[in-house]
Amino acid sequence: MEIKVLGPGCLKCEQTEKNVKEAVQESGLNVKIEKVTDVMEIAKYGVLGTPAVVVEGEVKCVGKIPDKDEIMTWIKK
């Protein structure tokens, strides 16, 4: 499984990345986490607001910090 955290590096983006890492660690699953900061790469997902989270190529969250429980629902499917 692959999760991408999209964002330029603002505080909200950093918190989102932290929440994703904690949720993945708690899940015990083998997940590759990638931080995408390139604006052109972010735009390819049709995302205009950050932070955003992409799970297996599907945009799950845009413009807000997801909590660990919400992230768990995405990765346990």
Protein backbone atom coordinates (compact mmCIF):
# COMPACT_ATOMS: atom_id res chain seq x y z
CA MET A 1 0.00 0.00 0.00
CA GLU A 2 1.15 3.52 -0.74
CA ILE A 3 0.08 6.75 0.96
CA LYS A 4 1.11 10.19 -0.26
CA VAL A 5 0.89 13.29 1.89
CA LEU A 6 0.59 16.32 -0.37
CA GLY A 7 1.70 19.71 0.87
CA PRO A 8 4.46 22.30 0.68
CA GLY A 9 5.63 21.79 4.25
CA CYS A 10 3.35 24.03 6.30
CA LEU A 11 2.47 23.17 9.90
CA LYS A 12 -0.82 21.53 8.85
CA CYS A 13 1.04 19.40 6.30
CA GLU A 14 3.59 18.33 8.89
CA GLN A 15 0.84 17.39 11.36
CA THR A 16 -0.94 15.40 8.65
CA GLU A 17 2.25 13.49 7.87
CA LYS A 18 2.76 12.79 11.58
CA ASN A 19 -0.81 11.49 11.95
CA VAL A 20 -0.40 9.24 8.90
CA LYS A 21 2.86 7.80 10.22
CA GLU A 22 1.34 7.14 13.65
CA ALA A 23 -1.75 5.46 12.17
CA VAL A 24 0.40 3.26 9.92
CA GLN A 25 2.64 2.30 12.83
CA GLU A 26 -0.37 1.40 14.98
CA SER A 27 -1.92 -0.63 12.15
CA GLY A 28 1.15 -2.82 11.79
CA LEU A 29 0.66 -2.84 8.01
CA ASN A 30 3.45 -2.52 5.46
CA VAL A 31 2.76 0.92 3.98
CA LYS A 32 5.02 3.16 1.95
CA ILE A 33 4.56 6.81 2.94
CA GLU A 34 5.73 9.52 0.58
CA LYS A 35 5.72 13.29 1.19
CA VAL A 36 5.02 15.26 -2.00
CA THR A 37 5.99 18.94 -1.86
CA ASP A 38 6.27 19.75 -5.59
CA VAL A 39 3.33 22.00 -6.51
CA MET A 40 3.14 20.61 -10.06
CA GLU A 41 3.02 17.03 -8.74
CA ILE A 42 0.31 17.99 -6.24
CA ALA A 43 -1.71 19.62 -9.05
CA LYS A 44 -1.70 16.31 -10.98
CA TYR A 45 -4.07 14.97 -8.33
CA GLY A 46 -6.49 17.85 -8.90
CA VAL A 47 -5.77 19.12 -5.40
CA LEU A 48 -6.01 22.87 -4.93
CA GLY A 49 -5.81 22.98 -1.13
CA THR A 50 -3.35 21.34 1.19
CA PRO A 51 -2.76 19.27 3.15
CA ALA A 52 -4.12 16.35 1.17
CA VAL A 53 -3.80 12.59 1.57
CA VAL A 54 -3.77 10.10 -1.31
CA VAL A 55 -4.20 6.39 -0.59
CA GLU A 56 -3.47 3.98 -3.44
CA GLY A 57 -3.95 6.80 -5.97
CA GLU A 58 -7.30 7.95 -4.52
CA VAL A 59 -7.55 11.39 -2.91
CA LYS A 60 -9.07 10.83 0.53
CA CYS A 61 -8.73 14.21 2.22
CA VAL A 62 -8.15 17.81 1.08
CA GLY A 63 -7.64 21.00 3.06
CA LYS A 64 -7.82 19.56 6.57
CA ILE A 65 -5.79 17.51 9.00
CA PRO A 66 -7.24 13.99 9.23
CA ASP A 67 -7.11 12.35 12.64
CA LYS A 68 -5.63 8.90 13.19
CA ASP A 69 -9.05 7.21 13.39
CA GLU A 70 -10.04 8.58 9.99
CA ILE A 71 -6.72 7.48 8.48
CA MET A 72 -7.22 3.99 9.95
CA THR A 73 -10.49 3.63 8.04
CA TRP A 74 -8.62 4.29 4.80
CA ILE A 75 -5.82 1.81 5.35
CA LYS A 76 -7.79 -1.07 6.84
CA LYS A 77 -9.93 -1.67 3.74
